[in-house]
Amino acid sequence: MAIKKVLVVDDSATERHIIGELLTKSGFEVSFAESGEIGVERAKHDKPDLIIMDVVMPGLNGFQATRAITKDPETAHIPVLLCTTKDQETDKVWGLRQGAKDYLVKPVNAAELLSKIAAQN
C-alpha cells in the first residue's frame, strides 16, 4: 500500500509545522492532531495511511495513543512511527511494544524520516 495520507500527532505547533512542511514538500497529504485523544479520533475518522506520533503530550501520551490505535481493529492496520525527544533505549523498546512500527528521535532528520516512511510501504 502506497503511503499518501499522513497524520501528525504532536502538541507542539512548531513540530507540527516542521514535520508538516517536510511531508507536504515530499508529496504527502498531511493532517494534524494536537493531542493523543484527538489523534486517536482522527485515526478512526480519517483512516490515514501512516501516523507520526509524539510521545510527551498532556493527557493521553503517545505511548497510550499508539496502544489505543494499534489495538483497535478499526485502526490496527495503520502503521505508527513514534517521533520524540525521548532517546533512551528503554523508551524505544517500550514504544515498539505498544505497537509502533519504528521510532525516531527529535530533532527530525528529513532523510531518516522519509526512509522510515518508505519502509512502511
N, C-alpha and C. Protein backbone atom coordinates (compact mmCIF):
# COMPACT_ATOMS: atom_id res chain seq x y z
N MET A 1 0.84 -1.18 0.00
CA MET A 1 0.00 0.00 0.00
C MET A 1 0.89 1.25 0.00
N ALA A 2 0.71 2.10 -0.97
CA ALA A 2 1.48 3.34 -1.03
C ALA A 2 0.97 4.30 0.03
N ILE A 3 1.89 4.94 0.72
CA ILE A 3 1.50 5.89 1.76
C ILE A 3 1.31 7.27 1.13
N LYS A 4 0.10 7.80 1.26
CA LYS A 4 -0.21 9.13 0.72
C LYS A 4 -0.66 10.07 1.84
N LYS A 5 -1.55 9.58 2.72
CA LYS A 5 -2.11 10.42 3.79
C LYS A 5 -1.40 10.14 5.11
N VAL A 6 -0.84 11.19 5.70
CA VAL A 6 -0.10 11.06 6.95
C VAL A 6 -0.74 11.96 8.01
N LEU A 7 -0.98 11.39 9.18
CA LEU A 7 -1.49 12.14 10.33
C LEU A 7 -0.32 12.42 11.27
N VAL A 8 -0.09 13.68 11.58
CA VAL A 8 0.97 14.08 12.51
C VAL A 8 0.31 14.45 13.83
N VAL A 9 0.67 13.73 14.91
CA VAL A 9 0.10 13.98 16.24
C VAL A 9 1.22 14.53 17.12
N ASP A 10 1.11 15.82 17.47
CA ASP A 10 2.13 16.46 18.29
C ASP A 10 1.51 17.68 18.96
N ASP A 11 1.79 17.89 20.24
CA ASP A 11 1.22 19.04 20.94
C ASP A 11 1.98 20.32 20.64
N SER A 12 3.13 20.24 19.99
CA SER A 12 3.93 21.42 19.65
C SER A 12 3.57 21.93 18.25
N ALA A 13 3.08 23.16 18.18
CA ALA A 13 2.75 23.76 16.88
C ALA A 13 3.99 23.84 15.99
N THR A 14 5.14 24.11 16.60
CA THR A 14 6.39 24.20 15.84
C THR A 14 6.73 22.86 15.21
N GLU A 15 6.65 21.79 15.99
CA GLU A 15 6.96 20.45 15.46
C GLU A 15 5.96 20.05 14.37
N ARG A 16 4.68 20.35 14.58
CA ARG A 16 3.67 20.04 13.56
C ARG A 16 4.01 20.77 12.26
N HIS A 17 4.43 22.03 12.39
CA HIS A 17 4.77 22.82 11.21
C HIS A 17 5.99 22.24 10.49
N ILE A 18 7.05 21.96 11.23
CA ILE A 18 8.30 21.44 10.64
C ILE A 18 8.04 20.11 9.92
N ILE A 19 7.41 19.18 10.62
CA ILE A 19 7.16 17.86 10.02
C ILE A 19 6.15 17.99 8.88
N GLY A 20 5.13 18.81 9.07
CA GLY A 20 4.12 19.02 8.03
C GLY A 20 4.72 19.57 6.75
N GLU A 21 5.59 20.58 6.88
CA GLU A 21 6.25 21.16 5.69
C GLU A 21 7.08 20.11 4.96
N LEU A 22 7.86 19.36 5.71
CA LEU A 22 8.71 18.32 5.12
C LEU A 22 7.87 17.31 4.34
N LEU A 23 6.79 16.85 4.97
CA LEU A 23 5.94 15.84 4.33
C LEU A 23 5.20 16.40 3.12
N THR A 24 4.69 17.63 3.24
CA THR A 24 3.96 18.26 2.13
C THR A 24 4.89 18.42 0.92
N LYS A 25 6.11 18.91 1.17
CA LYS A 25 7.08 19.08 0.09
C LYS A 25 7.46 17.74 -0.55
N SER A 26 7.30 16.67 0.20
CA SER A 26 7.63 15.34 -0.32
C SER A 26 6.42 14.68 -0.97
N GLY A 27 5.31 15.42 -1.08
CA GLY A 27 4.15 14.92 -1.82
C GLY A 27 3.08 14.21 -1.00
N PHE A 28 3.19 14.27 0.33
CA PHE A 28 2.18 13.62 1.17
C PHE A 28 1.03 14.59 1.48
N GLU A 29 -0.14 14.02 1.68
CA GLU A 29 -1.30 14.77 2.14
C GLU A 29 -1.25 14.68 3.67
N VAL A 30 -1.16 15.81 4.35
CA VAL A 30 -0.90 15.81 5.79
C VAL A 30 -2.08 16.39 6.57
N SER A 31 -2.45 15.71 7.66
CA SER A 31 -3.42 16.25 8.60
C SER A 31 -2.76 16.25 9.98
N PHE A 32 -3.38 16.98 10.91
CA PHE A 32 -2.74 17.18 12.21
C PHE A 32 -3.69 16.94 13.36
N ALA A 33 -3.10 16.55 14.50
CA ALA A 33 -3.84 16.46 15.76
C ALA A 33 -2.92 17.03 16.84
N GLU A 34 -3.51 17.80 17.75
CA GLU A 34 -2.73 18.48 18.79
C GLU A 34 -2.60 17.67 20.07
N SER A 35 -3.25 16.50 20.13
CA SER A 35 -3.18 15.69 21.35
C SER A 35 -3.38 14.22 21.00
N GLY A 36 -3.04 13.37 21.97
CA GLY A 36 -3.25 11.94 21.77
C GLY A 36 -4.70 11.59 21.57
N GLU A 37 -5.58 12.24 22.35
CA GLU A 37 -7.02 11.97 22.24
C GLU A 37 -7.53 12.30 20.83
N ILE A 38 -7.15 13.49 20.34
CA ILE A 38 -7.59 13.90 19.00
C ILE A 38 -6.96 12.99 17.95
N GLY A 39 -5.71 12.59 18.17
CA GLY A 39 -5.03 11.68 17.24
C GLY A 39 -5.77 10.35 17.08
N VAL A 40 -6.23 9.80 18.20
CA VAL A 40 -6.98 8.53 18.15
C VAL A 40 -8.28 8.72 17.37
N GLU A 41 -8.98 9.83 17.63
CA GLU A 41 -10.24 10.11 16.92
C GLU A 41 -10.01 10.30 15.43
N ARG A 42 -8.97 11.08 15.08
CA ARG A 42 -8.69 11.33 13.66
C ARG A 42 -8.27 10.04 12.96
N ALA A 43 -7.55 9.18 13.66
CA ALA A 43 -7.15 7.90 13.06
C ALA A 43 -8.39 7.10 12.67
N LYS A 44 -9.39 7.08 13.55
CA LYS A 44 -10.63 6.35 13.27
C LYS A 44 -11.43 7.00 12.15
N HIS A 45 -11.50 8.33 12.18
CA HIS A 45 -12.34 9.06 11.23
C HIS A 45 -11.69 9.21 9.85
N ASP A 46 -10.40 9.61 9.83
CA ASP A 46 -9.72 9.93 8.57
C ASP A 46 -9.05 8.73 7.90
N LYS A 47 -8.76 7.69 8.68
CA LYS A 47 -8.06 6.50 8.17
C LYS A 47 -6.79 6.86 7.37
N PRO A 48 -5.83 7.53 8.03
CA PRO A 48 -4.59 7.87 7.32
C PRO A 48 -3.80 6.59 6.98
N ASP A 49 -2.84 6.72 6.07
CA ASP A 49 -2.00 5.58 5.69
C ASP A 49 -0.87 5.37 6.68
N LEU A 50 -0.56 6.43 7.47
CA LEU A 50 0.55 6.38 8.42
C LEU A 50 0.32 7.47 9.47
N ILE A 51 0.79 7.21 10.70
CA ILE A 51 0.69 8.20 11.77
C ILE A 51 2.08 8.45 12.33
N ILE A 52 2.44 9.74 12.46
CA ILE A 52 3.68 10.12 13.13
C ILE A 52 3.25 10.68 14.49
N MET A 53 3.68 10.02 15.55
CA MET A 53 3.16 10.28 16.91
C MET A 53 4.25 10.76 17.85
N ASP A 54 4.03 11.93 18.45
CA ASP A 54 4.90 12.41 19.54
C ASP A 54 4.61 11.55 20.76
N VAL A 55 5.52 11.52 21.72
CA VAL A 55 5.29 10.75 22.94
C VAL A 55 4.89 11.65 24.09
N VAL A 56 5.65 12.72 24.33
CA VAL A 56 5.42 13.57 25.50
C VAL A 56 4.33 14.59 25.18
N MET A 57 3.11 14.29 25.63
CA MET A 57 1.95 15.18 25.44
C MET A 57 1.10 15.12 26.69
N PRO A 58 0.41 16.22 27.02
CA PRO A 58 -0.50 16.18 28.17
C PRO A 58 -1.70 15.28 27.85
N GLY A 59 -2.34 14.78 28.89
CA GLY A 59 -3.48 13.88 28.67
C GLY A 59 -2.98 12.52 28.19
N LEU A 60 -3.57 12.04 27.12
CA LEU A 60 -3.18 10.75 26.54
C LEU A 60 -1.82 10.92 25.88
N ASN A 61 -0.78 10.27 26.43
CA ASN A 61 0.54 10.44 25.82
C ASN A 61 0.68 9.56 24.57
N GLY A 62 1.79 9.72 23.88
CA GLY A 62 1.98 8.99 22.62
C GLY A 62 2.02 7.49 22.77
N PHE A 63 2.57 6.99 23.87
CA PHE A 63 2.57 5.54 24.10
C PHE A 63 1.14 5.03 24.24
N GLN A 64 0.33 5.75 25.03
CA GLN A 64 -1.06 5.34 25.25
C GLN A 64 -1.88 5.45 23.96
N ALA A 65 -1.69 6.53 23.23
CA ALA A 65 -2.43 6.72 21.98
C ALA A 65 -2.04 5.66 20.95
N THR A 66 -0.75 5.34 20.88
CA THR A 66 -0.28 4.30 19.95
C THR A 66 -0.91 2.97 20.31
N ARG A 67 -0.93 2.64 21.59
CA ARG A 67 -1.54 1.39 22.04
C ARG A 67 -3.02 1.36 21.67
N ALA A 68 -3.73 2.48 21.87
CA ALA A 68 -5.17 2.54 21.55
C ALA A 68 -5.39 2.33 20.05
N ILE A 69 -4.55 2.93 19.22
CA ILE A 69 -4.70 2.82 17.76
C ILE A 69 -4.35 1.41 17.28
N THR A 70 -3.24 0.86 17.77
CA THR A 70 -2.79 -0.44 17.26
C THR A 70 -3.59 -1.62 17.82
N LYS A 71 -4.32 -1.40 18.90
CA LYS A 71 -5.14 -2.49 19.47
C LYS A 71 -6.59 -2.46 18.99
N ASP A 72 -6.99 -1.36 18.36
CA ASP A 72 -8.36 -1.22 17.86
C ASP A 72 -8.45 -1.84 16.47
N PRO A 73 -9.33 -2.84 16.26
CA PRO A 73 -9.43 -3.49 14.95
C PRO A 73 -9.70 -2.51 13.81
N GLU A 74 -10.33 -1.38 14.13
CA GLU A 74 -10.67 -0.39 13.12
C GLU A 74 -9.43 0.36 12.61
N THR A 75 -8.40 0.47 13.46
CA THR A 75 -7.21 1.25 13.10
C THR A 75 -5.90 0.47 13.21
N ALA A 76 -5.97 -0.80 13.57
CA ALA A 76 -4.76 -1.60 13.81
C ALA A 76 -3.86 -1.72 12.59
N HIS A 77 -4.42 -1.56 11.40
CA HIS A 77 -3.63 -1.69 10.16
C HIS A 77 -2.78 -0.46 9.86
N ILE A 78 -3.00 0.64 10.59
CA ILE A 78 -2.28 1.89 10.31
C ILE A 78 -0.93 1.88 11.04
N PRO A 79 0.18 1.96 10.30
CA PRO A 79 1.49 1.98 10.97
C PRO A 79 1.69 3.29 11.73
N VAL A 80 2.27 3.19 12.92
CA VAL A 80 2.57 4.35 13.75
C VAL A 80 4.08 4.46 13.90
N LEU A 81 4.62 5.65 13.60
CA LEU A 81 6.03 5.94 13.84
C LEU A 81 6.09 6.90 15.02
N LEU A 82 6.76 6.51 16.09
CA LEU A 82 6.92 7.42 17.22
C LEU A 82 8.04 8.39 16.91
N CYS A 83 7.83 9.66 17.23
CA CYS A 83 8.79 10.71 16.93
C CYS A 83 8.88 11.59 18.19
N THR A 84 9.98 11.48 18.92
CA THR A 84 10.02 12.06 20.25
C THR A 84 11.42 12.52 20.66
N THR A 85 11.48 13.32 21.71
CA THR A 85 12.77 13.71 22.28
C THR A 85 13.30 12.63 23.21
N LYS A 86 12.47 11.66 23.56
CA LYS A 86 12.89 10.59 24.48
C LYS A 86 13.83 9.64 23.72
N ASP A 87 15.12 9.70 24.07
CA ASP A 87 16.11 8.98 23.28
C ASP A 87 16.74 7.78 23.98
N GLN A 88 16.14 7.35 25.08
CA GLN A 88 16.68 6.18 25.80
C GLN A 88 16.24 4.89 25.10
N GLU A 89 17.09 3.89 25.13
CA GLU A 89 16.76 2.60 24.52
C GLU A 89 15.51 2.00 25.15
N THR A 90 15.32 2.19 26.46
CA THR A 90 14.12 1.66 27.12
C THR A 90 12.85 2.30 26.57
N ASP A 91 12.92 3.60 26.23
CA ASP A 91 11.76 4.28 25.63
C ASP A 91 11.44 3.68 24.27
N LYS A 92 12.48 3.43 23.49
CA LYS A 92 12.28 2.85 22.15
C LYS A 92 11.66 1.45 22.27
N VAL A 93 12.20 0.64 23.14
CA VAL A 93 11.68 -0.72 23.33
C VAL A 93 10.21 -0.65 23.77
N TRP A 94 9.92 0.23 24.73
CA TRP A 94 8.55 0.36 25.23
C TRP A 94 7.62 0.82 24.11
N GLY A 95 8.06 1.79 23.32
CA GLY A 95 7.25 2.29 22.21
C GLY A 95 6.93 1.20 21.20
N LEU A 96 7.91 0.39 20.86
CA LEU A 96 7.68 -0.70 19.91
C LEU A 96 6.75 -1.75 20.52
N ARG A 97 6.84 -1.94 21.83
CA ARG A 97 5.94 -2.90 22.50
C ARG A 97 4.49 -2.40 22.52
N GLN A 98 4.30 -1.08 22.36
CA GLN A 98 2.94 -0.52 22.33
C GLN A 98 2.32 -0.68 20.94
N GLY A 99 3.13 -1.13 19.98
CA GLY A 99 2.61 -1.35 18.63
C GLY A 99 3.21 -0.46 17.57
N ALA A 100 4.11 0.46 17.94
CA ALA A 100 4.74 1.33 16.94
C ALA A 100 5.59 0.50 16.00
N LYS A 101 5.66 0.91 14.74
CA LYS A 101 6.46 0.20 13.74
C LYS A 101 7.91 0.67 13.75
N ASP A 102 8.14 1.92 14.19
CA ASP A 102 9.51 2.44 14.23
C ASP A 102 9.55 3.62 15.19
N TYR A 103 10.75 4.16 15.40
CA TYR A 103 10.98 5.16 16.44
C TYR A 103 12.02 6.14 15.93
N LEU A 104 11.71 7.43 15.96
CA LEU A 104 12.65 8.48 15.57
C LEU A 104 12.86 9.42 16.74
N VAL A 105 14.07 9.97 16.84
CA VAL A 105 14.37 10.92 17.90
C VAL A 105 14.45 12.32 17.29
N LYS A 106 13.80 13.29 17.97
CA LYS A 106 13.86 14.69 17.53
C LYS A 106 15.20 15.28 17.93
N PRO A 107 15.73 16.25 17.22
CA PRO A 107 15.14 16.86 16.03
C PRO A 107 15.13 15.89 14.85
N VAL A 108 14.07 15.98 14.07
CA VAL A 108 13.86 15.05 12.97
C VAL A 108 14.87 15.28 11.85
N ASN A 109 15.48 14.18 11.42
CA ASN A 109 16.34 14.21 10.25
C ASN A 109 15.45 13.87 9.06
N ALA A 110 15.34 14.78 8.08
CA ALA A 110 14.41 14.60 6.96
C ALA A 110 14.64 13.29 6.21
N ALA A 111 15.89 13.00 5.90
CA ALA A 111 16.19 11.77 5.13
C ALA A 111 15.80 10.53 5.93
N GLU A 112 16.07 10.54 7.23
CA GLU A 112 15.73 9.40 8.08
C GLU A 112 14.22 9.20 8.15
N LEU A 113 13.48 10.32 8.33
CA LEU A 113 12.02 10.23 8.40
C LEU A 113 11.46 9.67 7.10
N LEU A 114 11.88 10.20 5.97
CA LEU A 114 11.36 9.74 4.67
C LEU A 114 11.74 8.28 4.42
N SER A 115 12.92 7.88 4.86
CA SER A 115 13.34 6.49 4.72
C SER A 115 12.47 5.56 5.56
N LYS A 116 12.15 5.97 6.79
CA LYS A 116 11.30 5.15 7.66
C LYS A 116 9.88 5.08 7.13
N ILE A 117 9.39 6.16 6.52
CA ILE A 117 8.05 6.13 5.90
C ILE A 117 8.07 5.16 4.71
N ALA A 118 9.10 5.26 3.88
CA ALA A 118 9.20 4.39 2.69
C ALA A 118 9.28 2.92 3.11
N ALA A 119 9.88 2.64 4.25
CA ALA A 119 10.00 1.26 4.73
C ALA A 119 8.64 0.66 5.11
N GLN A 120 7.62 1.52 5.31
CA GLN A 120 6.30 1.03 5.70
C GLN A 120 5.46 0.65 4.48
N ASN A 121 5.92 0.98 3.28
CA ASN A 121 5.16 0.65 2.06
C ASN A 121 5.15 -0.83 1.79
